[in-house]
Amino acid sequence: MKSPHRPLANQTEFPSVGSPPKKASERRKRRFGVRTAREGFSLIEVLLAVLVLGLSLVAFFGALGDGVAIVASASQYETARTLMNKLELMEPLDLEDLDEGEDSGHFDGDFRNFRWRRTITLASKEEDELYRIETRIEWGDHRDPGVESVETYLHLPTARREGWVKDAVPFR
């Protein structure tokens, strides 16, 4: 029986696509999937690799941008909370003469971008003396405003009984 890889007498020797490699080292490379220097990568493999890399980078940089925006927003909210505490010291409520209405202002220095508003409304019947106090810190422009708001209920008879009225000392 003739070997399928030996040319017949009238044929010239051309290696066929499926012919086994001549050397043992080449056989090992083929068996373990290692490419020889002549084979390289096909155009489709390269394009697929570039596509996967590109999609991965788009997803990564999109997530990175979202993360930076969240950190900046959290910083603004933290500043608003700090300014709300500062406002309670700078503009305390006058519990002796608590009236319904609205008061507002802005902060100076590094916090020029922040504004405050305090709204006092009667939350129940006048004789109950239960007040709703909303304190808002706002920042940014009108297109994309940031707001941090705290709503407090104050029962004036309890405030008098507990001595909170005496503790309202302005801090400047």
Protein backbone atom coordinates (compact mmCIF):
# COMPACT_ATOMS: atom_id res chain seq x y z
CA MET A 1 0.00 0.00 0.00
CA LYS A 2 1.30 3.37 -0.94
CA SER A 3 1.56 6.21 1.54
CA PRO A 4 -0.99 8.94 0.85
CA HIS A 5 1.70 11.58 1.24
CA ARG A 6 4.13 10.28 -1.35
CA PRO A 7 3.66 11.67 -4.81
CA LEU A 8 3.08 9.34 -7.63
CA ALA A 9 5.67 9.21 -10.35
CA ASN A 10 3.89 11.68 -12.61
CA GLN A 11 2.97 14.19 -9.83
CA THR A 12 5.15 16.96 -8.46
CA GLU A 13 5.34 17.22 -4.68
CA PHE A 14 3.08 19.94 -3.25
CA PRO A 15 2.22 19.80 0.45
CA SER A 16 -1.48 19.46 0.89
CA VAL A 17 -3.42 21.46 3.51
CA GLY A 18 -4.04 18.49 5.72
CA SER A 19 -0.59 16.94 5.43
CA PRO A 20 1.19 16.34 8.74
CA PRO A 21 4.29 18.42 9.50
CA LYS A 22 7.62 16.93 8.59
CA LYS A 23 9.44 17.36 11.93
CA ALA A 24 8.48 16.05 15.36
CA SER A 25 8.66 19.56 16.89
CA GLU A 26 6.19 20.81 14.28
CA ARG A 27 3.86 17.91 15.09
CA ARG A 28 3.93 18.86 18.78
CA LYS A 29 3.17 22.50 17.95
CA ARG A 30 0.18 21.52 15.86
CA ARG A 31 -1.07 19.07 18.49
CA PHE A 32 -0.99 21.72 21.28
CA GLY A 33 -2.43 24.56 19.19
CA VAL A 34 0.76 26.59 18.89
CA ARG A 35 0.96 28.50 15.64
CA THR A 36 4.03 28.47 13.52
CA ALA A 37 5.61 31.69 12.31
CA ARG A 38 4.08 31.35 8.85
CA GLU A 39 0.49 30.96 10.06
CA GLY A 40 -0.10 34.18 12.14
CA PHE A 41 -3.59 35.52 12.93
CA SER A 42 -6.34 35.90 10.42
CA LEU A 43 -7.90 39.29 9.72
CA ILE A 44 -11.19 38.22 11.33
CA GLU A 45 -9.42 37.21 14.55
CA VAL A 46 -7.63 40.56 14.73
CA LEU A 47 -10.85 42.50 14.05
CA LEU A 48 -12.73 40.52 16.69
CA ALA A 49 -9.98 41.17 19.26
CA VAL A 50 -10.03 44.92 18.49
CA LEU A 51 -13.84 44.96 18.75
CA VAL A 52 -13.84 43.25 22.15
CA LEU A 53 -11.09 45.56 23.42
CA GLY A 54 -12.95 48.63 22.16
CA LEU A 55 -16.23 47.62 23.80
CA SER A 56 -14.42 46.90 27.06
CA LEU A 57 -12.76 50.31 27.03
CA VAL A 58 -16.05 52.10 26.30
CA ALA A 59 -17.72 50.33 29.25
CA PHE A 60 -14.75 51.05 31.54
CA PHE A 61 -14.55 54.76 30.75
CA GLY A 62 -18.33 55.12 30.98
CA ALA A 63 -18.30 53.63 34.47
CA LEU A 64 -15.33 55.79 35.42
CA GLY A 65 -17.16 58.95 34.34
CA ASP A 66 -20.26 57.96 36.31
CA GLY A 67 -18.13 57.30 39.37
CA VAL A 68 -16.51 60.73 39.20
CA ALA A 69 -19.95 62.39 38.89
CA ILE A 70 -21.26 60.47 41.92
CA VAL A 71 -18.27 61.48 44.03
CA ALA A 72 -18.72 65.15 43.06
CA SER A 73 -22.43 65.00 43.91
CA ALA A 74 -21.74 63.36 47.27
CA SER A 75 -19.25 66.11 48.06
CA GLN A 76 -21.89 68.77 47.34
CA TYR A 77 -24.41 67.06 49.61
CA GLU A 78 -21.83 66.74 52.40
CA THR A 79 -21.04 70.46 52.09
CA ALA A 80 -24.78 71.25 52.25
CA ARG A 81 -25.13 69.22 55.46
CA THR A 82 -22.18 71.05 57.01
CA LEU A 83 -23.65 74.41 56.01
CA MET A 84 -27.01 73.40 57.46
CA ASN A 85 -25.33 72.85 60.84
CA LYS A 86 -23.51 76.16 60.47
CA LEU A 87 -26.82 77.89 59.68
CA GLU A 88 -28.36 76.63 62.93
CA LEU A 89 -25.54 78.36 64.81
CA MET A 90 -25.48 81.57 62.74
CA GLU A 91 -29.25 82.06 62.32
CA PRO A 92 -30.94 80.29 65.26
CA LEU A 93 -34.70 80.27 65.56
CA ASP A 94 -36.15 82.83 67.94
CA LEU A 95 -38.38 80.48 69.91
CA GLU A 96 -39.71 83.37 72.06
CA ASP A 97 -41.29 84.98 69.00
CA LEU A 98 -41.86 82.14 66.50
CA ASP A 99 -44.01 83.27 63.58
CA GLU A 100 -45.01 81.70 60.31
CA GLY A 101 -43.03 82.89 57.32
CA GLU A 102 -39.90 82.45 55.27
CA ASP A 103 -36.35 83.64 55.73
CA SER A 104 -33.49 83.19 53.29
CA GLY A 105 -29.91 84.15 52.60
CA HIS A 106 -26.64 82.96 51.13
CA PHE A 107 -23.25 81.92 52.42
CA ASP A 108 -20.01 83.83 51.94
CA GLY A 109 -16.46 82.83 51.10
CA ASP A 110 -15.88 79.44 49.54
CA PHE A 111 -19.61 78.70 49.76
CA ARG A 112 -20.93 81.56 47.60
CA ASN A 113 -22.61 78.97 45.38
CA PHE A 114 -24.88 77.85 48.27
CA ARG A 115 -28.14 79.52 49.37
CA TRP A 116 -30.44 78.76 52.29
CA ARG A 117 -34.16 79.09 52.92
CA ARG A 118 -36.10 78.42 56.13
CA THR A 119 -39.90 78.15 56.03
CA ILE A 120 -42.00 78.06 59.20
CA THR A 121 -45.65 77.01 59.01
CA LEU A 122 -48.23 76.08 61.60
CA ALA A 123 -48.69 72.30 61.37
CA SER A 124 -51.87 72.03 63.45
CA LYS A 125 -54.38 74.24 65.24
CA GLU A 126 -52.96 77.49 66.59
CA GLU A 127 -53.62 76.55 70.21
CA ASP A 128 -51.51 73.38 69.81
CA GLU A 129 -48.47 75.45 68.81
CA LEU A 130 -47.01 72.71 66.61
CA TYR A 131 -44.79 74.19 63.91
CA ARG A 132 -43.29 72.65 60.79
CA ILE A 133 -39.83 74.04 60.03
CA GLU A 134 -38.26 73.27 56.66
CA THR A 135 -34.63 74.23 56.15
CA ARG A 136 -33.29 73.99 52.59
CA ILE A 137 -29.78 74.40 51.27
CA GLU A 138 -29.66 74.95 47.50
CA TRP A 139 -26.71 75.14 45.12
CA GLY A 140 -25.97 75.15 41.42
CA ASP A 141 -27.88 76.93 38.68
CA HIS A 142 -31.57 76.80 37.73
CA ARG A 143 -31.01 74.14 35.05
CA ASP A 144 -29.41 71.63 37.41
CA PRO A 145 -30.06 72.65 41.02
CA GLY A 146 -28.96 70.67 44.02
CA VAL A 147 -31.14 70.68 47.14
CA GLU A 148 -30.72 69.26 50.61
CA SER A 149 -33.76 69.69 52.82
CA VAL A 150 -34.55 68.92 56.46
CA GLU A 151 -38.04 69.06 57.88
CA THR A 152 -38.47 69.46 61.64
CA TYR A 153 -41.57 69.63 63.79
CA LEU A 154 -41.41 71.79 66.90
CA HIS A 155 -43.96 71.66 69.71
CA LEU A 156 -43.50 75.04 71.37
CA PRO A 157 -44.92 74.12 74.83
CA THR A 158 -42.44 71.22 75.01
CA ALA A 159 -39.60 73.53 73.93
CA ARG A 160 -40.50 75.94 76.74
CA ARG A 161 -40.81 73.14 79.31
CA GLU A 162 -37.47 71.60 78.30
CA GLY A 163 -35.69 74.94 78.38
CA TRP A 164 -34.82 75.07 74.68
CA VAL A 165 -35.99 78.67 74.48
CA LYS A 166 -33.19 79.87 76.78
CA ASP A 167 -30.51 78.02 74.76
CA ALA A 168 -31.18 79.94 71.54
CA VAL A 169 -28.06 82.16 71.54
CA PRO A 170 -26.88 83.61 68.24
CA PHE A 171 -23.32 82.75 67.18
CA ARG A 172 -21.42 85.16 64.97
